[in-house]
Amino acid sequence: MAKVGLREWLAVGRVLASGRLARYGGPGEGPLNRFEAGFSKQFGIKHTLAVSSGTGALICGLAAAGLGPGDEVLVPAYTWIATAAAVLAVGAVPVIVDIDETLTMDPADIVRRITPRTRAILPVHMANMVCDMEAIMRIARTHGLLVIEDACQAVGVSYRGRRTGTIGDVGAFSFNQFKNINIGEGGAVVTDSDRFFARARMYHDVGALFRGHLDNYNEPHFFGVNLKASQIQGAMLNVQLKKLDPMLRRMRRRHGVMTRILSSAQAFRLGPHNDPDNAVGLHVMFETAKEASAFAAQHRRGVYRLYDSSRHVYTNWAPVLEQRAAHPAMNPFTWTKNPVEYAPDMCARSIDILQRTCRISLGENYPVPLMAYLARRMVGGEVSQRRLSYAA
């Protein structure tokens, strides 16, 4: 995660001193406007809209693209529950798709899950591992589907020369304390579409009708909600944006050093990546779940087995699998023409991969020699690791 320090503190102090804390209501350009312009330039995207959270960004992006009741949206079996919940928030229903060994949506399973009711694909660049966006965009264009990119867990990461979140029709980012840009909580929606941007701006601000200075690109006004970010968030975002690319360069360097060491291991193999040259995510794979569990137990700091991060595994999304909503009359599952059914074993391949895989931190805030030392310990500890797996 990105570190927060003195520069963020000073930037917030200037906003507090100005007395202008809200998104709207003050004269001149505020920190949020500067961030949105800077983010668009740095990411090569036409429009950026800062919002209150990553979940808000997903909901806003889906609403902007016109997703709603009766629509099916394909989501991966491995992601934070907000990905599926955002689909339900706009009245559509999520259809869960298997991941492959890159920890992202399996393009082959995407094709298998498409129905006449499928309207969009929602790929997630999970844990800084990028999706196979060339294949996903090809499938989407062939079937006339929208692509809403969830780049919340891969802010700034590149896929074959383009930033994640900028390849599909709409992209969503998270800036909470566990992400590559960290302001505690925040998010952004991006798009090259003037229409989708106008709709996102309306949806994220219930008072958009009264912002006479905003061009709505001739899009009729509709009522929205309140997902606005504050100028305090904007101040921190401007500082964090400057830190992003240097941090990603540190992560790429550590990835190169650590993978060279870990590639010599016999007990495990390196997980594949859809863009190895720009990789800033690292995971290793074992033959059995017991071996992966034993490895995670032996190397506690910076290593965890993916299946043990239960909140990211679809089998634990109880409200989704049980199709429960806050009010039965507002339950999107009752609005579908064909029932969507879920089962714990519906994505058995994903469960198998997650049980046999461990993610390894790149330690971007630690010295390279230390991370190299830890990688050598992982390789050197293979014998004891095998003993642990046999005993488990």
Protein backbone atom coordinates (compact mmCIF):
# COMPACT_ATOMS: atom_id res chain seq x y z
CA MET A 1 0.00 0.00 0.00
CA ALA A 2 1.06 3.62 -0.49
CA LYS A 3 2.44 5.48 2.52
CA VAL A 4 0.90 8.67 3.90
CA GLY A 5 3.14 11.31 5.48
CA LEU A 6 3.95 14.95 6.06
CA ARG A 7 3.11 16.16 2.55
CA GLU A 8 -0.47 14.89 2.82
CA TRP A 9 -0.78 16.50 6.25
CA LEU A 10 0.37 19.87 4.88
CA ALA A 11 -1.95 19.63 1.86
CA VAL A 12 -4.96 18.91 4.08
CA GLY A 13 -3.96 21.80 6.35
CA ARG A 14 -4.13 24.24 3.46
CA VAL A 15 -7.65 23.07 2.61
CA LEU A 16 -8.77 23.38 6.22
CA ALA A 17 -7.33 26.88 6.38
CA SER A 18 -9.20 27.85 3.22
CA GLY A 19 -12.54 26.81 4.72
CA ARG A 20 -13.58 25.26 1.40
CA LEU A 21 -14.11 21.59 2.21
CA ALA A 22 -17.03 20.60 -0.05
CA ARG A 23 -16.85 19.58 -3.69
CA TYR A 24 -18.90 22.59 -4.76
CA GLY A 25 -19.67 25.94 -3.18
CA GLY A 26 -16.41 27.84 -3.38
CA PRO A 27 -14.77 30.14 -5.93
CA GLY A 28 -12.04 29.06 -8.31
CA GLU A 29 -10.38 25.73 -8.95
CA GLY A 30 -10.11 23.38 -6.00
CA PRO A 31 -7.84 20.39 -5.27
CA LEU A 32 -10.39 17.94 -6.72
CA ASN A 33 -10.40 19.67 -10.09
CA ARG A 34 -6.61 19.65 -10.15
CA PHE A 35 -6.50 15.98 -9.28
CA GLU A 36 -9.02 15.01 -11.95
CA ALA A 37 -7.08 16.93 -14.61
CA GLY A 38 -3.77 15.48 -13.44
CA PHE A 39 -5.11 11.92 -13.26
CA SER A 40 -6.59 12.18 -16.77
CA LYS A 41 -3.27 13.42 -18.15
CA GLN A 42 -1.15 10.84 -16.33
CA PHE A 43 -3.45 7.96 -17.28
CA GLY A 44 -4.20 9.07 -20.85
CA ILE A 45 -7.98 9.20 -20.39
CA LYS A 46 -10.39 11.97 -21.36
CA HIS A 47 -12.55 12.19 -18.22
CA THR A 48 -11.93 11.54 -14.52
CA LEU A 49 -14.52 11.97 -11.77
CA ALA A 50 -13.42 11.68 -8.14
CA VAL A 51 -15.97 9.99 -5.88
CA SER A 52 -16.27 8.94 -2.26
CA SER A 53 -15.04 5.33 -2.53
CA GLY A 54 -14.07 2.49 -4.85
CA THR A 55 -17.47 0.87 -4.34
CA GLY A 56 -19.08 4.20 -5.22
CA ALA A 57 -16.93 4.34 -8.35
CA LEU A 58 -18.14 0.90 -9.46
CA ILE A 59 -21.80 1.75 -8.84
CA CYS A 60 -21.45 5.13 -10.52
CA GLY A 61 -19.67 3.61 -13.52
CA LEU A 62 -22.30 0.92 -13.99
CA ALA A 63 -25.12 3.48 -13.72
CA ALA A 64 -23.34 5.80 -16.15
CA ALA A 65 -23.12 3.01 -18.71
CA GLY A 66 -26.86 2.35 -18.37
CA LEU A 67 -26.76 -1.07 -16.69
CA GLY A 68 -29.96 -1.95 -14.86
CA PRO A 69 -32.82 -4.40 -14.18
CA GLY A 70 -32.88 -7.47 -16.40
CA ASP A 71 -29.18 -7.17 -17.27
CA GLU A 72 -26.55 -9.77 -16.42
CA VAL A 73 -23.00 -8.65 -15.68
CA LEU A 74 -20.10 -11.12 -15.64
CA VAL A 75 -17.88 -10.83 -12.55
CA PRO A 76 -14.92 -12.97 -11.39
CA ALA A 77 -15.05 -15.57 -8.63
CA TYR A 78 -12.06 -13.94 -6.92
CA THR A 79 -12.59 -10.29 -5.97
CA TRP A 80 -13.83 -8.11 -3.13
CA ILE A 81 -17.60 -8.54 -2.70
CA ALA A 82 -18.16 -4.91 -3.76
CA THR A 83 -17.70 -5.95 -7.40
CA ALA A 84 -20.80 -8.13 -7.27
CA ALA A 85 -22.65 -5.82 -4.87
CA ALA A 86 -22.21 -2.84 -7.21
CA VAL A 87 -23.94 -4.77 -9.98
CA LEU A 88 -26.89 -5.45 -7.66
CA ALA A 89 -26.93 -1.79 -6.56
CA VAL A 90 -27.96 -0.72 -10.08
CA GLY A 91 -30.59 -3.46 -10.35
CA ALA A 92 -28.63 -5.89 -12.53
CA VAL A 93 -27.47 -9.35 -11.44
CA PRO A 94 -23.92 -10.72 -11.29
CA VAL A 95 -22.99 -13.93 -13.09
CA ILE A 96 -19.86 -15.43 -11.53
CA VAL A 97 -17.01 -16.47 -13.84
CA ASP A 98 -13.99 -18.67 -13.14
CA ILE A 99 -10.51 -17.21 -12.85
CA ASP A 100 -7.40 -18.75 -14.39
CA GLU A 101 -3.88 -19.01 -12.97
CA THR A 102 -3.26 -15.29 -13.54
CA LEU A 103 -5.88 -14.77 -10.75
CA THR A 104 -8.09 -12.87 -13.16
CA MET A 105 -11.14 -13.72 -15.31
CA ASP A 106 -10.67 -16.70 -17.59
CA PRO A 107 -11.60 -15.51 -21.10
CA ALA A 108 -12.72 -19.02 -22.07
CA ASP A 109 -15.18 -19.13 -19.16
CA ILE A 110 -16.42 -15.64 -20.04
CA VAL A 111 -17.59 -17.01 -23.38
CA ARG A 112 -19.26 -19.99 -21.70
CA ARG A 113 -21.22 -17.74 -19.31
CA ILE A 114 -22.63 -15.33 -21.92
CA THR A 115 -26.40 -15.48 -22.38
CA PRO A 116 -28.86 -13.34 -24.35
CA ARG A 117 -29.27 -11.28 -21.15
CA THR A 118 -25.56 -10.54 -20.71
CA ARG A 119 -24.95 -6.82 -21.08
CA ALA A 120 -21.45 -6.24 -19.67
CA ILE A 121 -18.20 -7.80 -18.52
CA LEU A 122 -16.69 -6.52 -15.28
CA PRO A 123 -13.05 -7.72 -15.23
CA VAL A 124 -11.07 -7.15 -12.03
CA HIS A 125 -7.33 -6.49 -12.03
CA MET A 126 -6.90 -8.34 -8.76
CA ALA A 127 -3.97 -7.80 -6.38
CA ASN A 128 -2.04 -5.87 -9.07
CA MET A 129 -2.43 -8.81 -11.48
CA VAL A 130 -3.74 -7.55 -14.81
CA CYS A 131 -6.51 -9.21 -16.81
CA ASP A 132 -6.06 -10.45 -20.37
CA MET A 133 -7.69 -7.30 -21.68
CA GLU A 134 -6.97 -8.03 -25.35
CA ALA A 135 -9.00 -11.23 -25.15
CA ILE A 136 -11.72 -9.62 -23.01
CA MET A 137 -12.15 -6.63 -25.32
CA ARG A 138 -12.26 -8.96 -28.34
CA ILE A 139 -15.01 -11.04 -26.70
CA ALA A 140 -16.93 -7.92 -25.70
CA ARG A 141 -16.86 -6.42 -29.18
CA THR A 142 -17.82 -9.74 -30.78
CA HIS A 143 -20.87 -10.08 -28.52
CA GLY A 144 -21.79 -6.38 -28.32
CA LEU A 145 -21.02 -6.09 -24.59
CA LEU A 146 -19.83 -3.19 -22.46
CA VAL A 147 -16.62 -3.51 -20.42
CA ILE A 148 -16.55 -1.88 -16.98
CA GLU A 149 -13.01 -2.29 -15.61
CA ASP A 150 -12.51 -2.74 -11.88
CA ALA A 151 -8.99 -1.41 -11.38
CA CYS A 152 -9.47 -0.76 -7.67
CA GLN A 153 -6.70 -3.18 -6.73
CA ALA A 154 -4.32 -2.17 -9.51
CA VAL A 155 -4.26 1.64 -9.60
CA GLY A 156 -1.67 2.85 -12.10
CA VAL A 157 -0.56 -0.61 -13.22
CA SER A 158 0.09 -1.02 -16.95
CA TYR A 159 -1.14 -3.63 -19.40
CA ARG A 160 0.78 -3.62 -22.70
CA GLY A 161 1.31 0.12 -22.72
CA ARG A 162 -2.03 1.22 -21.28
CA ARG A 163 -3.11 1.84 -17.71
CA THR A 164 -5.61 -0.54 -16.17
CA GLY A 165 -9.03 1.04 -15.96
CA THR A 166 -8.58 2.99 -19.21
CA ILE A 167 -9.03 0.13 -21.68
CA GLY A 168 -12.73 -0.65 -21.29
CA ASP A 169 -15.72 1.63 -21.73
CA VAL A 170 -15.59 2.76 -18.09
CA GLY A 171 -13.01 2.25 -15.35
CA ALA A 172 -13.28 2.34 -11.56
CA PHE A 173 -10.51 2.96 -9.00
CA SER A 174 -10.24 2.77 -5.22
CA PHE A 175 -8.02 4.96 -3.06
CA ASN A 176 -8.58 3.33 0.33
CA GLN A 177 -5.74 2.60 2.73
CA PHE A 178 -4.83 -0.75 1.13
CA LYS A 179 -4.44 0.54 -2.43
CA ASN A 180 -1.66 1.98 -4.61
CA ILE A 181 -3.08 5.45 -3.98
CA ASN A 182 -4.02 5.79 -0.32
CA ILE A 183 -6.16 8.55 1.17
CA GLY A 184 -8.00 6.33 3.65
CA GLU A 185 -11.13 6.16 1.49
CA GLY A 186 -11.91 7.47 -1.98
CA GLY A 187 -12.37 6.49 -5.61
CA ALA A 188 -12.63 7.63 -9.21
CA VAL A 189 -14.57 6.85 -12.38
CA VAL A 190 -12.84 7.30 -15.75
CA THR A 191 -14.06 7.15 -19.34
CA ASP A 192 -13.39 8.50 -22.81
CA SER A 193 -17.14 8.79 -23.44
CA ASP A 194 -18.64 12.27 -23.06
CA ARG A 195 -22.06 10.75 -22.50
CA PHE A 196 -20.97 8.27 -19.84
CA PHE A 197 -19.06 11.04 -18.07
CA ALA A 198 -22.11 13.31 -18.03
CA ARG A 199 -24.23 10.47 -16.64
CA ALA A 200 -21.61 9.61 -14.00
CA ARG A 201 -21.50 13.23 -12.90
CA MET A 202 -25.29 13.36 -12.60
CA TYR A 203 -25.50 10.07 -10.74
CA HIS A 204 -22.79 10.89 -8.20
CA ASP A 205 -24.44 14.21 -7.26
CA VAL A 206 -28.16 14.38 -6.52
CA GLY A 207 -27.89 18.15 -6.90
CA ALA A 208 -26.26 18.05 -10.34
CA LEU A 209 -29.38 19.65 -11.82
CA PHE A 210 -28.51 22.87 -10.02
CA ARG A 211 -24.84 23.05 -11.06
CA GLY A 212 -25.42 25.48 -13.89
CA HIS A 213 -21.74 25.65 -14.71
CA LEU A 214 -21.62 21.96 -15.70
CA ASP A 215 -22.09 20.94 -19.33
CA ASN A 216 -24.26 17.81 -19.47
CA TYR A 217 -23.50 17.00 -23.14
CA ASN A 218 -27.25 17.27 -23.90
CA GLU A 219 -27.95 14.27 -21.65
CA PRO A 220 -31.37 14.62 -19.96
CA HIS A 221 -31.11 15.02 -16.19
CA PHE A 222 -32.06 12.13 -13.93
CA PHE A 223 -31.95 11.85 -10.14
CA GLY A 224 -28.84 10.42 -8.59
CA VAL A 225 -27.35 9.84 -5.16
CA ASN A 226 -24.53 11.45 -3.21
CA LEU A 227 -21.13 9.91 -3.92
CA LYS A 228 -19.19 13.18 -4.03
CA ALA A 229 -15.62 13.44 -2.80
CA SER A 230 -14.44 16.31 -0.60
CA GLN A 231 -11.67 18.84 -1.14
CA ILE A 232 -9.81 17.20 1.75
CA GLN A 233 -9.71 14.00 -0.30
CA GLY A 234 -8.63 16.02 -3.32
CA ALA A 235 -5.72 17.55 -1.43
CA MET A 236 -4.40 14.14 -0.40
CA LEU A 237 -4.98 12.73 -3.89
CA ASN A 238 -2.76 15.35 -5.52
CA VAL A 239 0.12 14.36 -3.23
CA GLN A 240 -0.47 10.63 -3.67
CA LEU A 241 -0.70 10.90 -7.46
CA LYS A 242 2.88 12.21 -7.56
CA LYS A 243 4.03 9.22 -5.49
CA LEU A 244 2.28 6.61 -7.62
CA ASP A 245 4.68 6.02 -10.52
CA PRO A 246 7.85 6.06 -8.38
CA MET A 247 6.22 3.44 -6.15
CA LEU A 248 5.27 1.29 -9.14
CA ARG A 249 8.88 1.51 -10.41
CA ARG A 250 10.04 0.23 -7.01
CA MET A 251 7.57 -2.61 -7.22
CA ARG A 252 8.70 -3.60 -10.72
CA ARG A 253 12.32 -3.63 -9.58
CA ARG A 254 11.54 -5.83 -6.60
CA HIS A 255 9.41 -8.10 -8.77
CA GLY A 256 12.38 -8.65 -11.10
CA VAL A 257 14.81 -9.37 -8.25
CA MET A 258 12.46 -11.67 -6.36
CA THR A 259 11.23 -13.65 -9.36
CA ARG A 260 14.82 -14.39 -10.46
CA ILE A 261 15.46 -15.91 -7.05
CA LEU A 262 12.12 -17.68 -6.65
CA SER A 263 12.27 -19.19 -10.15
CA SER A 264 14.97 -21.59 -8.91
CA ALA A 265 12.61 -23.22 -6.41
CA GLN A 266 11.58 -26.84 -6.85
CA ALA A 267 8.62 -26.95 -4.44
CA PHE A 268 6.56 -24.31 -6.26
CA ARG A 269 6.34 -22.40 -9.51
CA LEU A 270 5.77 -18.75 -10.26
CA GLY A 271 2.22 -17.84 -11.21
CA PRO A 272 1.70 -16.55 -14.77
CA HIS A 273 1.13 -12.88 -15.60
CA ASN A 274 -0.70 -11.32 -18.55
CA ASP A 275 2.03 -8.69 -18.99
CA PRO A 276 5.30 -9.96 -17.42
CA ASP A 277 7.34 -6.92 -18.48
CA ASN A 278 5.19 -4.61 -16.33
CA ALA A 279 4.43 -7.02 -13.50
CA VAL A 280 3.95 -5.59 -10.01
CA GLY A 281 2.09 -8.56 -8.56
CA LEU A 282 3.68 -11.83 -7.46
CA HIS A 283 2.20 -15.21 -6.58
CA VAL A 284 3.49 -18.77 -6.40
CA MET A 285 1.60 -22.00 -7.04
CA PHE A 286 1.83 -25.45 -5.49
CA GLU A 287 0.65 -28.90 -6.50
CA THR A 288 -1.59 -29.25 -3.45
CA ALA A 289 -3.54 -27.04 -1.07
CA LYS A 290 -1.63 -28.50 1.89
CA GLU A 291 1.68 -27.39 0.43
CA ALA A 292 0.41 -23.85 -0.10
CA SER A 293 -1.01 -23.70 3.41
CA ALA A 294 2.26 -24.95 4.91
CA PHE A 295 4.28 -22.40 2.91
CA ALA A 296 2.08 -19.55 4.15
CA ALA A 297 2.43 -20.81 7.74
CA GLN A 298 6.21 -20.97 7.45
CA HIS A 299 6.65 -17.51 5.87
CA ARG A 300 4.11 -15.47 7.84
CA ARG A 301 5.27 -11.95 6.95
CA GLY A 302 4.28 -10.83 3.47
CA VAL A 303 2.92 -14.22 2.40
CA TYR A 304 -0.64 -15.50 2.52
CA ARG A 305 -2.63 -18.23 0.83
CA LEU A 306 -5.30 -16.66 -1.35
CA TYR A 307 -8.08 -18.99 -0.26
CA ASP A 308 -7.57 -17.87 3.35
CA SER A 309 -8.52 -14.29 2.41
CA SER A 310 -12.13 -15.43 2.62
CA ARG A 311 -13.77 -12.07 1.91
CA HIS A 312 -12.39 -12.21 -1.64
CA VAL A 313 -13.74 -15.69 -2.45
CA TYR A 314 -17.22 -15.91 -3.97
CA THR A 315 -18.30 -18.80 -1.73
CA ASN A 316 -18.36 -16.36 1.20
CA TRP A 317 -20.58 -13.73 -0.44
CA ALA A 318 -23.64 -14.88 1.54
CA PRO A 319 -26.03 -12.00 0.62
CA VAL A 320 -25.25 -12.53 -3.07
CA LEU A 321 -25.46 -16.33 -3.10
CA GLU A 322 -28.64 -16.26 -0.98
CA GLN A 323 -30.06 -13.46 -3.14
CA ARG A 324 -31.08 -11.24 -0.23
CA ALA A 325 -31.75 -7.49 -0.45
CA ALA A 326 -32.65 -4.78 2.08
CA HIS A 327 -36.26 -4.92 0.89
CA PRO A 328 -37.83 -7.82 -1.04
CA ALA A 329 -39.56 -5.50 -3.49
CA MET A 330 -36.18 -3.97 -4.36
CA ASN A 331 -34.40 -7.27 -4.95
CA PRO A 332 -32.81 -7.33 -8.44
CA PHE A 333 -33.09 -11.12 -8.56
CA THR A 334 -36.89 -10.77 -8.75
CA TRP A 335 -36.60 -8.51 -11.78
CA THR A 336 -34.77 -10.99 -14.00
CA LYS A 337 -36.65 -12.85 -16.72
CA ASN A 338 -34.60 -15.98 -16.09
CA PRO A 339 -33.47 -16.99 -12.59
CA VAL A 340 -29.75 -16.84 -11.84
CA GLU A 341 -28.63 -19.76 -9.71
CA TYR A 342 -25.54 -19.95 -7.54
CA ALA A 343 -23.83 -22.92 -5.88
CA PRO A 344 -20.67 -23.22 -3.75
CA ASP A 345 -19.05 -25.46 -6.39
CA MET A 346 -20.09 -23.44 -9.44
CA CYS A 347 -16.50 -22.22 -9.93
CA ALA A 348 -14.60 -25.27 -8.69
CA ARG A 349 -11.53 -24.43 -10.77
CA SER A 350 -11.23 -21.04 -9.05
CA ILE A 351 -11.40 -22.68 -5.62
CA ASP A 352 -8.68 -25.14 -6.59
CA ILE A 353 -6.40 -22.35 -7.83
CA LEU A 354 -6.96 -20.19 -4.73
CA GLN A 355 -6.29 -23.11 -2.39
CA ARG A 356 -2.97 -23.88 -4.10
CA THR A 357 -1.70 -20.30 -4.49
CA CYS A 358 0.17 -17.91 -2.20
CA ARG A 359 0.58 -14.20 -2.82
CA ILE A 360 3.97 -12.70 -1.93
CA SER A 361 4.35 -9.02 -1.06
CA LEU A 362 6.94 -7.06 -3.03
CA GLY A 363 7.71 -4.87 -0.01
CA GLU A 364 7.80 -1.64 -1.97
CA ASN A 365 8.57 0.33 1.19
CA TYR A 366 11.50 -1.90 2.17
CA PRO A 367 15.07 -2.07 0.77
CA VAL A 368 15.67 -4.32 -2.24
CA PRO A 369 18.40 -6.34 -0.43
CA LEU A 370 15.92 -7.19 2.33
CA MET A 371 13.32 -8.44 -0.16
CA ALA A 372 16.00 -10.45 -1.99
CA TYR A 373 17.03 -11.98 1.35
CA LEU A 374 13.44 -12.95 2.12
CA ALA A 375 13.07 -14.52 -1.33
CA ARG A 376 16.26 -16.55 -0.80
CA ARG A 377 14.88 -17.73 2.54
CA MET A 378 11.72 -18.91 0.78
CA VAL A 379 13.79 -20.94 -1.66
CA GLY A 380 16.19 -22.13 1.03
CA GLY A 381 13.32 -23.21 3.21
CA GLU A 382 11.90 -25.66 0.68
CA VAL A 383 12.98 -28.73 2.63
CA SER A 384 11.37 -27.63 5.88
CA GLN A 385 8.34 -26.43 3.94
CA ARG A 386 7.88 -29.91 2.45
CA ARG A 387 8.15 -31.39 5.91
CA LEU A 388 5.42 -29.05 7.13
CA SER A 389 3.15 -30.03 4.25
CA TYR A 390 3.60 -33.73 4.95
CA ALA A 391 2.74 -33.16 8.60
CA ALA A 392 -0.33 -31.05 7.86
